[in-house]
Amino acid sequence: MSETLEFHTSKPSYDPETKIWRGETKELTLNPDDSIASVVLKKLLERPEYIGQVGYQSGKELTNLEIAKRSVQVAKHFEKFRMQQCDIIGLCAGNTDYIAPLVFGALAAGLTISTLDPSFDKAGIKHVYSLTKPRLMFCDGELYERVRQALDECDLSATKVYTMSNHIEGVPSIMEFFEDYEDVNPAEFRVPPMKEGVHQTAFIVCTSGTTGLPKGVCISHSTFISNQFAVAGFKDARMLCFSTLYWVSGLFTLIQGTIGGAKRIISSKPFSVEDFFDIVPRYKVNITMGPPSQIALAVSSDKIASSDLSSLTGCMIGGSAVSYSLAEKFRKYAKNAFCFTGYGSSETGGISGGICSPDNSLGSLVPNVEIKIIDDDGNALGPNESGELCIRTALPWAGYYGNPTATKETYDSDGWIHLGDVGYFNDEGKLFMVDRKCDIRKYNNFHFAPSDIEKVIGELPQVADVCVVGIPHSIHGFLPAACVIKRDNAEIDEPEIYQHVVQRMQDFERLRGGVYFVDELPQTASGKIIRRKVTEMCERLWNERNGNN
């Protein structure tokens, strides 16, 4: 492995006439028409005896050959179901031993995988899978009843559910996929050509919408294939990422880590500082990937001073804003590590990146990416002028699953993807983020839409008006908080409102930032609530309540 991780970015070029910034133009090293599975299998068989995966909880090690063989067994077993390319399967599971073979085998069969995090409750599972309607479903044993009920309640009773771990007697399991084809030779297996080429969807990951069902972001095979030059230094690296495959970081680690020749250390449980401080020295982890909240939790732990983090050379941090001060606090204990910040989206893949710097920039553009910055009227802006970021990539985006209207609103006829982020480039070509154009925030890297929470609180007859915001938090990102105006003579208290949200919404949408009763909400002259000022109010009240200065 190289001594340090390298982001292949450089100062972008800028065209003063079109006002477009462009990353370096680089020829793709892999064929974008290839399936992820064909590339993965080829890479695995180049070093068959190399241990490509280690399970932290199970202690199970899989060589590249074992991963390749089990992937082919899965692909061939799918043939029994007479599934066609682009048919959808669902996956709601932790990072257990056979997730990699399932994913690579499904992709080898040309299937599309609709992913979800195990933390979602029944209502959340119903929302997602009523949208993507998987023909087969895979989940951990402890989730089986929840998943089965959710599928039944959204008219998917015919969808067969398999367990990935903690198997249940009488319930099908992933182990059935390995019972046949015991003598299969992965070197002789050929992944069929993708019928939709660069447009073919590999994964559907759901993003929170402001109303109704979440949108399903289609991520193509070509998106992962075209990002091979974004990062170097994976060969023989020991990589750790706690993210499930609901997150792009989890998908990136699985796919790019395998193609790049890394040894992936997987954990079937969510991030905890105890596990982090045990895994890193035990397996001499070189590279970690995750949101800034994990670094903040590590830094705030009294165990960090006695933990051996000397093996770390690269910490890839993304998903939320990364402060330079947080990165530097971590580097006091991980002295050999460089902290990298990256900016990207499910729709586009990686956009920019670089080593965390005192100016808190998002680094420089990755190759083959263009950005223009526009004002509210669609006019292009120049350096040091803030506006909405529009991104254009070398390959087409597959859009939002089953939602051509939302796709058209985001993806214009010239190939620009409008993501709602507000930012600017400085004179040196560094990208800076100012804010979100919309009001969506993240708690523990899960999106929450304030308008969705407002609608639920507004169901209460005692509530006259409500505004939900996110209070900035160093570990969790943002804490949902509500300012509420009661109806005249109405009686309601904070616990009632909090519990109403608990009963109606997901865990990450709970009002951990508090409920505050006010007589009025700050408004513009036209009567629109000024959410920024409400945030300031809630932040001040939160600090007073918690004794912060």
Protein backbone atom coordinates (compact mmCIF):
# COMPACT_ATOMS: atom_id res chain seq x y z
CA MET A 1 0.00 0.00 0.00
CA SER A 2 1.19 3.53 -0.68
CA GLU A 3 2.23 5.46 2.42
CA THR A 4 -0.69 7.84 2.12
CA LEU A 5 -4.00 7.89 0.34
CA GLU A 6 -4.10 10.18 -2.68
CA PHE A 7 -7.06 12.03 -4.11
CA HIS A 8 -6.56 12.52 -7.83
CA THR A 9 -7.69 16.13 -8.01
CA SER A 10 -6.10 19.22 -9.45
CA LYS A 11 -6.95 22.87 -9.83
CA PRO A 12 -9.94 23.03 -12.18
CA SER A 13 -9.89 25.02 -15.38
CA TYR A 14 -12.31 27.94 -15.66
CA ASP A 15 -13.94 29.31 -18.79
CA PRO A 16 -14.79 33.00 -18.17
CA GLU A 17 -17.24 33.03 -21.09
CA THR A 18 -19.36 30.05 -20.09
CA LYS A 19 -18.43 30.40 -16.39
CA ILE A 20 -17.92 26.65 -16.13
CA TRP A 21 -15.30 24.97 -13.93
CA ARG A 22 -13.88 21.68 -15.21
CA GLY A 23 -11.88 19.00 -13.46
CA GLU A 24 -8.97 17.38 -15.24
CA THR A 25 -9.93 15.38 -18.32
CA LYS A 26 -8.78 11.77 -17.93
CA GLU A 27 -9.37 8.71 -20.05
CA LEU A 28 -11.35 6.03 -18.25
CA THR A 29 -9.19 3.03 -17.34
CA LEU A 30 -12.16 0.65 -17.39
CA ASN A 31 -14.93 0.17 -19.95
CA PRO A 32 -18.04 2.00 -18.66
CA ASP A 33 -20.21 -0.57 -20.49
CA ASP A 34 -18.87 -3.29 -18.19
CA SER A 35 -20.82 -4.67 -15.26
CA ILE A 36 -19.42 -4.02 -11.79
CA ALA A 37 -19.48 -7.79 -11.33
CA SER A 38 -17.29 -8.52 -14.36
CA VAL A 39 -14.64 -6.08 -13.11
CA VAL A 40 -14.86 -7.38 -9.53
CA LEU A 41 -14.55 -11.04 -10.51
CA LYS A 42 -11.56 -10.32 -12.72
CA LYS A 43 -9.80 -8.45 -9.89
CA LEU A 44 -10.62 -11.14 -7.33
CA LEU A 45 -9.15 -13.89 -9.50
CA GLU A 46 -5.92 -11.97 -10.07
CA ARG A 47 -5.01 -12.71 -6.42
CA PRO A 48 -7.16 -15.71 -5.44
CA GLU A 49 -5.41 -16.54 -2.14
CA TYR A 50 -5.46 -12.98 -0.80
CA ILE A 51 -7.79 -12.52 2.18
CA GLY A 52 -10.21 -9.89 0.91
CA GLN A 53 -12.64 -9.78 3.84
CA VAL A 54 -12.52 -10.29 7.60
CA GLY A 55 -15.65 -10.32 9.79
CA TYR A 56 -15.02 -8.57 13.11
CA GLN A 57 -17.83 -10.25 15.05
CA SER A 58 -17.67 -13.67 13.34
CA GLY A 59 -13.89 -13.83 12.90
CA LYS A 60 -14.53 -15.40 9.49
CA GLU A 61 -11.96 -14.71 6.76
CA LEU A 62 -12.79 -15.02 3.06
CA THR A 63 -10.16 -15.25 0.36
CA ASN A 64 -10.74 -13.56 -2.96
CA LEU A 65 -11.34 -16.97 -4.52
CA GLU A 66 -14.00 -17.82 -1.91
CA ILE A 67 -15.74 -14.47 -2.53
CA ALA A 68 -15.61 -15.04 -6.28
CA LYS A 69 -16.90 -18.64 -6.03
CA ARG A 70 -19.79 -17.72 -3.74
CA SER A 71 -20.67 -14.76 -5.98
CA VAL A 72 -20.95 -17.07 -8.98
CA GLN A 73 -23.01 -19.56 -6.94
CA VAL A 74 -25.42 -16.72 -6.11
CA ALA A 75 -25.60 -15.60 -9.75
CA LYS A 76 -26.37 -19.12 -10.95
CA HIS A 77 -28.94 -19.70 -8.20
CA PHE A 78 -30.82 -16.58 -9.30
CA GLU A 79 -31.34 -18.32 -12.65
CA LYS A 80 -33.74 -20.70 -10.88
CA PHE A 81 -36.12 -17.81 -10.26
CA ARG A 82 -36.17 -16.92 -13.96
CA MET A 83 -35.35 -13.34 -13.10
CA GLN A 84 -34.58 -10.94 -15.93
CA GLN A 85 -31.93 -8.26 -16.07
CA CYS A 86 -33.02 -5.10 -14.19
CA ASP A 87 -35.44 -7.02 -11.95
CA ILE A 88 -35.18 -5.67 -8.40
CA ILE A 89 -34.20 -7.38 -5.16
CA GLY A 90 -34.36 -5.74 -1.72
CA LEU A 91 -31.55 -5.69 0.84
CA CYS A 92 -31.95 -4.56 4.45
CA ALA A 93 -29.04 -6.00 6.42
CA GLY A 94 -25.85 -5.32 8.31
CA ASN A 95 -22.35 -6.03 7.02
CA THR A 96 -22.34 -9.77 7.63
CA ASP A 97 -20.13 -12.41 6.02
CA TYR A 98 -22.13 -13.11 2.86
CA ILE A 99 -23.26 -9.62 1.89
CA ALA A 100 -20.42 -9.28 -0.64
CA PRO A 101 -21.21 -12.53 -2.51
CA LEU A 102 -24.92 -11.65 -2.57
CA VAL A 103 -24.25 -8.20 -4.03
CA PHE A 104 -21.67 -9.31 -6.58
CA GLY A 105 -23.78 -12.34 -7.55
CA ALA A 106 -26.93 -10.25 -8.01
CA LEU A 107 -25.03 -7.74 -10.14
CA ALA A 108 -23.54 -10.61 -12.18
CA ALA A 109 -27.12 -11.72 -12.88
CA GLY A 110 -27.94 -8.19 -14.07
CA LEU A 111 -30.26 -7.48 -11.14
CA THR A 112 -30.83 -4.13 -9.44
CA ILE A 113 -30.48 -3.90 -5.64
CA SER A 114 -32.75 -1.63 -3.59
CA THR A 115 -30.95 -1.04 -0.28
CA LEU A 116 -32.15 0.04 3.16
CA ASP A 117 -30.55 0.41 6.59
CA PRO A 118 -31.59 -2.07 9.32
CA SER A 119 -32.53 0.81 11.64
CA PHE A 120 -35.68 1.62 9.65
CA ASP A 121 -38.97 0.69 11.28
CA LYS A 122 -41.90 -1.00 9.57
CA ALA A 123 -43.34 2.26 8.24
CA GLY A 124 -40.01 3.21 6.69
CA ILE A 125 -39.61 -0.22 5.09
CA LYS A 126 -43.11 0.06 3.64
CA HIS A 127 -42.32 3.49 2.19
CA VAL A 128 -39.19 2.29 0.40
CA TYR A 129 -40.35 -1.07 -0.90
CA SER A 130 -43.78 0.12 -1.98
CA LEU A 131 -41.72 2.30 -4.31
CA THR A 132 -39.23 -0.27 -5.67
CA LYS A 133 -41.35 -3.46 -5.28
CA PRO A 134 -38.57 -6.09 -5.00
CA ARG A 135 -39.23 -9.60 -6.32
CA LEU A 136 -36.97 -11.13 -3.64
CA MET A 137 -35.94 -9.70 -0.28
CA PHE A 138 -32.85 -10.25 1.91
CA CYS A 139 -32.59 -9.19 5.55
CA ASP A 140 -31.04 -10.23 8.88
CA GLY A 141 -32.95 -12.73 10.99
CA GLU A 142 -33.81 -10.23 13.72
CA LEU A 143 -35.50 -8.04 11.09
CA TYR A 144 -37.51 -10.80 9.46
CA GLU A 145 -40.87 -10.22 11.18
CA ARG A 146 -40.66 -6.45 10.64
CA VAL A 147 -39.75 -6.85 6.97
CA ARG A 148 -42.34 -9.59 6.33
CA GLN A 149 -45.13 -7.50 7.85
CA ALA A 150 -44.07 -4.40 5.92
CA LEU A 151 -44.04 -6.27 2.61
CA ASP A 152 -47.43 -7.86 3.32
CA GLU A 153 -48.92 -4.46 4.13
CA CYS A 154 -47.77 -2.96 0.83
CA ASP A 155 -49.20 -5.79 -1.28
CA LEU A 156 -45.91 -7.66 -1.69
CA SER A 157 -46.95 -10.93 -0.05
CA ALA A 158 -45.52 -12.83 -3.02
CA THR A 159 -42.02 -11.44 -2.32
CA LYS A 160 -39.96 -14.23 -0.77
CA VAL A 161 -37.71 -13.17 2.14
CA TYR A 162 -34.28 -14.73 2.82
CA THR A 163 -32.24 -14.18 5.98
CA MET A 164 -28.58 -13.11 5.76
CA SER A 165 -27.67 -13.88 9.39
CA ASN A 166 -29.27 -15.14 12.62
CA HIS A 167 -31.29 -17.58 10.54
CA ILE A 168 -34.77 -18.67 11.62
CA GLU A 169 -36.02 -22.24 11.39
CA GLY A 170 -38.51 -22.58 8.57
CA VAL A 171 -37.43 -19.33 6.90
CA PRO A 172 -35.29 -19.44 3.72
CA SER A 173 -31.71 -18.25 4.14
CA ILE A 174 -28.83 -17.12 1.95
CA MET A 175 -27.15 -20.47 2.64
CA GLU A 176 -29.55 -22.08 0.14
CA PHE A 177 -27.77 -20.15 -2.61
CA PHE A 178 -24.52 -22.02 -1.88
CA GLU A 179 -25.89 -25.56 -1.72
CA ASP A 180 -25.88 -26.15 -5.48
CA TYR A 181 -23.06 -25.58 -7.97
CA GLU A 182 -20.47 -26.71 -5.40
CA ASP A 183 -18.02 -27.49 -8.19
CA VAL A 184 -18.48 -24.13 -9.93
CA ASN A 185 -15.30 -22.58 -11.35
CA PRO A 186 -15.50 -18.76 -11.22
CA ALA A 187 -12.76 -18.47 -13.85
CA GLU A 188 -15.10 -20.11 -16.37
CA PHE A 189 -18.10 -17.93 -15.54
CA ARG A 190 -18.91 -15.08 -17.92
CA VAL A 191 -21.00 -12.13 -16.80
CA PRO A 192 -23.53 -11.44 -19.56
CA PRO A 193 -23.45 -8.00 -21.25
CA MET A 194 -25.73 -5.44 -19.64
CA LYS A 195 -28.79 -4.89 -21.77
CA GLU A 196 -28.92 -1.16 -20.94
CA GLY A 197 -25.16 -0.49 -21.07
CA VAL A 198 -24.04 2.69 -19.29
CA HIS A 199 -27.65 3.40 -18.31
CA GLN A 200 -28.15 0.16 -16.36
CA THR A 201 -28.95 0.67 -12.68
CA ALA A 202 -26.94 -1.30 -10.14
CA PHE A 203 -28.41 0.17 -6.94
CA ILE A 204 -31.42 2.19 -5.85
CA VAL A 205 -30.68 4.19 -2.71
CA CYS A 206 -33.43 6.25 -1.17
CA THR A 207 -33.11 9.89 -0.27
CA SER A 208 -35.54 11.83 1.87
CA GLY A 209 -38.07 13.94 -0.01
CA THR A 210 -39.87 16.96 1.35
CA THR A 211 -43.25 15.31 0.84
CA GLY A 212 -44.62 11.81 0.38
CA LEU A 213 -42.44 8.83 -0.46
CA PRO A 214 -38.66 9.23 -0.59
CA LYS A 215 -37.09 9.37 -4.02
CA GLY A 216 -35.11 6.36 -5.18
CA VAL A 217 -31.77 7.47 -6.62
CA CYS A 218 -30.63 5.15 -9.40
CA ILE A 219 -26.87 4.53 -9.35
CA SER A 220 -25.54 2.90 -12.50
CA HIS A 221 -22.75 0.37 -12.92
CA SER A 222 -20.91 3.00 -14.97
CA THR A 223 -20.89 5.46 -12.05
CA PHE A 224 -18.69 3.10 -10.02
CA ILE A 225 -16.64 2.01 -13.02
CA SER A 226 -15.84 5.61 -13.99
CA ASN A 227 -14.65 6.56 -10.49
CA GLN A 228 -11.62 4.27 -10.43
CA PHE A 229 -9.13 7.14 -10.71
CA ALA A 230 -10.69 9.11 -7.85
CA VAL A 231 -8.64 7.43 -5.16
CA ALA A 232 -5.34 5.54 -5.23
CA GLY A 233 -3.52 3.49 -2.61
CA PHE A 234 -6.07 0.76 -1.88
CA LYS A 235 -3.91 -2.23 -2.82
CA ASP A 236 -3.12 -4.27 0.32
CA ALA A 237 -4.69 -1.57 2.49
CA ARG A 238 -6.81 -2.67 5.44
CA MET A 239 -10.08 -0.74 5.17
CA LEU A 240 -12.78 -0.15 7.76
CA CYS A 241 -16.23 1.29 7.15
CA PHE A 242 -19.19 0.73 9.47
CA SER A 243 -21.75 1.96 6.90
CA THR A 244 -24.30 -0.53 5.62
CA LEU A 245 -25.08 -0.61 1.91
CA TYR A 246 -27.86 1.93 2.46
CA TRP A 247 -25.07 4.52 2.38
CA VAL A 248 -22.94 5.37 -0.65
CA SER A 249 -19.88 5.12 1.64
CA GLY A 250 -20.76 1.47 2.31
CA LEU A 251 -21.18 0.76 -1.40
CA PHE A 252 -17.96 2.59 -2.21
CA THR A 253 -15.94 0.62 0.32
CA LEU A 254 -17.34 -2.71 -0.85
CA ILE A 255 -16.93 -2.10 -4.58
CA GLN A 256 -13.92 0.21 -4.86
CA GLY A 257 -12.15 -1.52 -1.99
CA THR A 258 -12.55 -4.91 -3.68
CA ILE A 259 -11.54 -3.65 -7.13
CA GLY A 260 -8.62 -1.77 -5.61
CA GLY A 261 -7.26 -4.85 -3.84
CA ALA A 262 -7.90 -3.92 -0.21
CA LYS A 263 -8.65 -6.16 2.75
CA ARG A 264 -12.03 -5.04 4.06
CA ILE A 265 -12.70 -5.33 7.80
CA ILE A 266 -16.48 -5.53 8.22
CA SER A 267 -18.67 -5.02 11.27
CA SER A 268 -22.22 -6.36 11.45
CA LYS A 269 -23.07 -3.71 14.04
CA PRO A 270 -23.32 0.09 13.76
CA PHE A 271 -20.38 2.29 14.72
CA SER A 272 -19.34 2.42 18.37
CA VAL A 273 -16.19 3.95 19.80
CA GLU A 274 -15.48 0.75 21.72
CA ASP A 275 -15.46 -1.33 18.52
CA PHE A 276 -13.52 1.35 16.62
CA PHE A 277 -10.75 1.47 19.22
CA ASP A 278 -10.58 -2.35 19.21
CA ILE A 279 -10.71 -2.94 15.43
CA VAL A 280 -8.09 -0.39 14.37
CA PRO A 281 -5.14 -1.79 16.37
CA ARG A 282 -6.28 -5.43 16.14
CA TYR A 283 -6.29 -5.43 12.33
CA LYS A 284 -3.78 -2.60 11.81
CA VAL A 285 -6.40 -0.63 9.87
CA ASN A 286 -4.91 1.85 7.39
CA ILE A 287 -7.99 3.54 5.90
CA THR A 288 -11.33 4.42 7.45
CA MET A 289 -14.39 5.90 5.79
CA GLY A 290 -17.43 7.45 7.44
CA PRO A 291 -19.27 10.61 8.51
CA PRO A 292 -17.71 13.30 10.75
CA SER A 293 -19.96 12.23 13.63
CA GLN A 294 -17.83 9.09 14.06
CA ILE A 295 -14.64 11.14 14.33
CA ALA A 296 -16.37 13.48 16.80
CA LEU A 297 -17.43 10.53 18.97
CA ALA A 298 -13.90 9.14 18.91
CA VAL A 299 -12.38 12.48 19.87
CA SER A 300 -14.87 12.99 22.70
CA SER A 301 -14.14 9.56 24.20
CA ASP A 302 -11.77 9.35 27.15
CA LYS A 303 -10.44 6.10 25.63
CA ILE A 304 -8.78 7.79 22.67
CA ALA A 305 -5.67 8.78 24.62
CA SER A 306 -4.86 5.15 25.40
CA SER A 307 -5.80 3.76 21.97
CA ASP A 308 -3.24 2.78 19.34
CA LEU A 309 -4.20 4.54 16.11
CA SER A 310 -0.69 4.52 14.65
CA SER A 311 -1.62 2.26 11.71
CA LEU A 312 -4.06 4.82 10.27
CA THR A 313 -2.77 6.66 7.21
CA GLY A 314 -6.01 7.92 5.71
CA CYS A 315 -9.40 8.90 7.14
CA MET A 316 -11.98 9.61 4.45
CA ILE A 317 -14.71 11.80 5.91
CA GLY A 318 -17.89 12.77 4.10
CA GLY A 319 -21.67 12.94 4.15
CA SER A 320 -21.78 16.14 6.23
CA ALA A 321 -19.69 19.25 6.72
CA VAL A 322 -16.22 18.48 8.08
CA SER A 323 -14.51 21.08 10.26
CA TYR A 324 -10.74 21.44 10.14
CA SER A 325 -10.64 21.78 13.92
CA LEU A 326 -12.27 18.35 14.34
CA ALA A 327 -9.81 16.75 11.92
CA GLU A 328 -6.87 18.29 13.78
CA LYS A 329 -8.17 17.09 17.15
CA PHE A 330 -8.30 13.55 15.76
CA ARG A 331 -4.81 13.80 14.25
CA LYS A 332 -3.36 14.51 17.68
CA TYR A 333 -3.99 10.82 18.39
CA ALA A 334 -3.74 9.42 14.83
CA LYS A 335 -0.47 11.13 14.06
CA ASN A 336 0.25 9.20 10.84
CA ALA A 337 -3.17 9.85 9.30
CA PHE A 338 -4.27 12.39 6.77
CA CYS A 339 -7.92 13.42 7.01
CA PHE A 340 -9.63 13.76 3.63
CA THR A 341 -12.90 15.54 3.05
CA GLY A 342 -15.02 14.76 0.04
CA TYR A 343 -18.11 16.20 -1.57
CA GLY A 344 -20.45 14.16 -3.69
CA SER A 345 -24.00 12.92 -4.01
CA SER A 346 -25.88 9.74 -4.72
CA GLU A 347 -26.91 11.22 -8.06
CA THR A 348 -23.40 12.08 -9.27
CA GLY A 349 -20.83 10.13 -7.28
CA GLY A 350 -17.69 12.00 -6.22
CA ILE A 351 -17.43 15.68 -7.12
CA SER A 352 -14.48 17.14 -5.20
CA GLY A 353 -12.05 16.24 -2.46
CA GLY A 354 -8.79 16.95 -0.72
CA ILE A 355 -6.98 17.02 2.60
CA CYS A 356 -8.91 18.91 5.30
CA SER A 357 -7.54 22.44 5.35
CA PRO A 358 -7.90 25.48 7.65
CA ASP A 359 -10.12 27.24 5.11
CA ASN A 360 -12.66 24.38 5.38
CA SER A 361 -12.90 24.06 1.60
CA LEU A 362 -14.20 20.96 -0.15
CA GLY A 363 -11.01 20.65 -2.17
CA SER A 364 -10.70 20.53 -5.94
CA LEU A 365 -12.78 18.81 -8.59
CA VAL A 366 -12.25 15.16 -9.43
CA PRO A 367 -11.54 14.34 -13.08
CA ASN A 368 -14.24 14.52 -15.75
CA VAL A 369 -16.63 16.66 -13.70
CA GLU A 370 -18.00 20.09 -14.61
CA ILE A 371 -19.67 22.62 -12.32
CA LYS A 372 -21.49 25.84 -12.96
CA ILE A 373 -22.96 28.07 -10.27
CA ILE A 374 -26.24 29.83 -10.99
CA ASP A 375 -28.42 32.45 -9.34
CA ASP A 376 -32.17 32.17 -8.77
CA ASP A 377 -32.82 33.19 -12.38
CA GLY A 378 -30.50 30.56 -13.81
CA ASN A 379 -27.69 32.99 -14.69
CA ALA A 380 -24.14 31.60 -14.40
CA LEU A 381 -21.95 33.22 -11.73
CA GLY A 382 -18.20 33.75 -11.53
CA PRO A 383 -15.54 33.23 -8.84
CA ASN A 384 -16.45 34.19 -5.26
CA GLU A 385 -20.15 34.46 -6.14
CA SER A 386 -22.47 32.13 -4.25
CA GLY A 387 -25.27 30.28 -5.96
CA GLU A 388 -26.74 26.85 -6.62
CA LEU A 389 -24.23 24.22 -7.72
CA CYS A 390 -25.04 22.34 -10.93
CA ILE A 391 -22.95 19.29 -11.80
CA ARG A 392 -22.39 17.57 -15.13
CA THR A 393 -20.56 14.25 -15.36
CA ALA A 394 -19.01 12.42 -18.31
CA LEU A 395 -21.63 9.66 -18.16
CA PRO A 396 -25.43 9.97 -17.98
CA TRP A 397 -27.38 9.73 -14.75
CA ALA A 398 -30.13 7.11 -14.56
CA GLY A 399 -32.56 9.41 -12.68
CA TYR A 400 -35.02 8.78 -9.85
CA TYR A 401 -36.64 5.36 -9.98
CA GLY A 402 -40.21 5.50 -11.27
CA ASN A 403 -40.31 9.28 -10.93
CA PRO A 404 -39.72 10.99 -14.29
CA THR A 405 -41.19 14.26 -13.00
CA ALA A 406 -38.65 14.57 -10.18
CA THR A 407 -35.88 13.48 -12.56
CA LYS A 408 -36.80 16.20 -15.03
CA GLU A 409 -36.87 18.81 -12.25
CA THR A 410 -33.33 17.83 -11.17
CA TYR A 411 -31.69 16.75 -14.45
CA ASP A 412 -32.01 19.36 -17.20
CA SER A 413 -31.86 18.88 -20.97
CA ASP A 414 -28.19 19.94 -21.10
CA GLY A 415 -27.15 17.21 -18.66
CA TRP A 416 -26.78 19.43 -15.58
CA ILE A 417 -27.89 17.95 -12.25
CA HIS A 418 -29.32 20.59 -9.88
CA LEU A 419 -28.69 19.33 -6.34
CA GLY A 420 -29.83 22.28 -4.26
CA ASP A 421 -26.47 23.02 -2.62
CA VAL A 422 -25.29 26.62 -2.42
CA GLY A 423 -21.57 27.30 -2.80
CA TYR A 424 -18.81 29.05 -4.70
CA PHE A 425 -15.28 28.70 -6.06
CA ASN A 426 -12.53 31.01 -4.86
CA ASP A 427 -9.79 32.39 -7.11
CA GLU A 428 -7.64 29.30 -6.50
CA GLY A 429 -10.35 26.95 -7.79
CA LYS A 430 -11.28 25.55 -4.38
CA LEU A 431 -14.92 24.71 -3.79
CA PHE A 432 -16.75 26.01 -0.71
CA MET A 433 -20.19 25.07 0.57
CA VAL A 434 -22.42 27.80 1.99
CA ASP A 435 -25.73 26.05 2.71
CA ARG A 436 -28.46 23.85 1.39
CA LYS A 437 -30.90 25.57 -0.93
CA CYS A 438 -33.61 23.41 0.58
CA ASP A 439 -34.03 22.83 4.30
CA ILE A 440 -33.15 19.13 4.54
CA ARG A 441 -30.70 18.37 7.34
CA LYS A 442 -28.97 15.25 8.65
CA TYR A 443 -29.07 13.58 12.05
CA ASN A 444 -26.40 10.86 12.38
CA ASN A 445 -26.07 11.09 8.59
CA PHE A 446 -29.78 10.28 8.07
CA HIS A 447 -31.69 12.94 6.14
CA PHE A 448 -34.68 14.53 7.83
CA ALA A 449 -37.04 16.99 6.16
CA PRO A 450 -38.38 19.64 8.59
CA SER A 451 -41.55 20.02 6.53
CA ASP A 452 -42.38 16.32 7.05
CA ILE A 453 -42.03 16.67 10.83
CA GLU A 454 -44.06 19.90 10.77
CA LYS A 455 -46.94 18.09 9.07
CA VAL A 456 -46.99 15.41 11.77
CA ILE A 457 -46.91 17.95 14.62
CA GLY A 458 -49.60 19.95 12.82
CA GLU A 459 -51.92 16.95 13.14
CA LEU A 460 -52.31 17.80 16.83
CA PRO A 461 -55.44 19.94 17.31
CA GLN A 462 -53.76 22.02 20.05
CA VAL A 463 -51.08 23.28 17.63
CA ALA A 464 -51.73 26.53 15.75
CA ASP A 465 -48.37 26.75 13.95
CA VAL A 466 -44.99 25.04 14.00
CA CYS A 467 -41.56 25.43 12.52
CA VAL A 468 -38.99 22.60 12.66
CA VAL A 469 -35.28 23.26 12.26
CA GLY A 470 -31.97 21.52 12.86
CA ILE A 471 -29.78 22.65 15.75
CA PRO A 472 -26.08 22.18 14.81
CA HIS A 473 -24.39 19.47 16.88
CA SER A 474 -20.72 18.48 16.81
CA ILE A 475 -21.41 14.73 16.93
CA HIS A 476 -24.86 14.15 15.44
CA GLY A 477 -24.87 16.80 12.70
CA PHE A 478 -28.23 18.43 13.44
CA LEU A 479 -30.82 17.82 16.17
CA PRO A 480 -34.45 18.20 15.04
CA ALA A 481 -36.15 20.90 17.13
CA ALA A 482 -39.59 22.50 16.99
CA CYS A 483 -40.93 25.96 17.78
CA VAL A 484 -44.66 25.64 18.45
CA ILE A 485 -47.49 28.17 18.75
CA LYS A 486 -50.41 26.79 20.76
CA ARG A 487 -54.01 27.46 19.86
CA ASP A 488 -55.79 29.80 22.23
CA ASN A 489 -56.58 28.13 25.56
CA ALA A 490 -55.10 24.82 24.35
CA GLU A 491 -53.29 22.55 26.81
CA ILE A 492 -50.33 20.55 25.52
CA ASP A 493 -46.80 20.03 26.75
CA GLU A 494 -43.44 19.05 25.27
CA PRO A 495 -43.62 15.29 26.10
CA GLU A 496 -46.97 15.00 24.28
CA ILE A 497 -45.54 16.51 21.10
CA TYR A 498 -42.31 14.52 21.38
CA GLN A 499 -44.19 11.22 21.81
CA HIS A 500 -46.52 12.00 18.93
CA VAL A 501 -43.48 12.32 16.63
CA VAL A 502 -41.99 9.12 18.10
CA GLN A 503 -45.14 7.21 17.24
CA ARG A 504 -45.47 8.60 13.72
CA MET A 505 -41.91 8.95 12.43
CA GLN A 506 -38.46 7.39 12.17
CA ASP A 507 -35.93 7.43 15.00
CA PHE A 508 -33.72 10.04 13.30
CA GLU A 509 -36.71 12.42 13.01
CA ARG A 510 -37.33 12.58 16.77
CA LEU A 511 -37.19 16.03 18.38
CA ARG A 512 -33.90 15.57 20.21
CA GLY A 513 -33.26 19.29 19.95
CA GLY A 514 -36.36 20.01 22.04
CA VAL A 515 -39.82 21.57 21.72
CA TYR A 516 -40.14 25.28 22.48
CA PHE A 517 -43.43 27.12 22.87
CA VAL A 518 -43.47 30.66 21.47
CA ASP A 519 -46.07 33.37 20.90
CA GLU A 520 -44.97 34.13 17.36
CA LEU A 521 -42.52 33.03 14.66
CA PRO A 522 -40.24 35.43 12.78
CA GLN A 523 -41.63 36.15 9.32
CA THR A 524 -40.77 38.08 6.19
CA ALA A 525 -43.00 40.93 5.03
CA SER A 526 -44.78 38.46 2.76
CA GLY A 527 -45.54 36.14 5.68
CA LYS A 528 -42.91 33.44 5.11
CA ILE A 529 -41.27 32.02 8.21
CA ILE A 530 -37.58 32.94 8.44
CA ARG A 531 -36.19 29.51 9.25
CA ARG A 532 -32.68 30.87 9.86
CA LYS A 533 -33.95 33.04 12.72
CA VAL A 534 -35.99 30.18 14.15
CA THR A 535 -32.80 28.10 14.16
CA GLU A 536 -31.03 30.85 16.10
CA MET A 537 -33.91 30.95 18.61
CA CYS A 538 -33.87 27.17 19.10
CA GLU A 539 -30.09 27.09 19.39
CA ARG A 540 -30.17 29.76 22.10
CA LEU A 541 -32.99 28.02 24.00
CA TRP A 542 -31.19 24.66 23.68
CA ASN A 543 -28.00 26.15 25.13
CA GLU A 544 -29.90 27.76 28.00
CA ARG A 545 -31.68 24.49 28.77
CA ASN A 546 -28.43 22.51 28.76
CA GLY A 547 -26.34 25.06 30.63
CA ASN A 548 -24.11 25.91 27.66
CA ASN A 549 -22.55 29.32 27.35
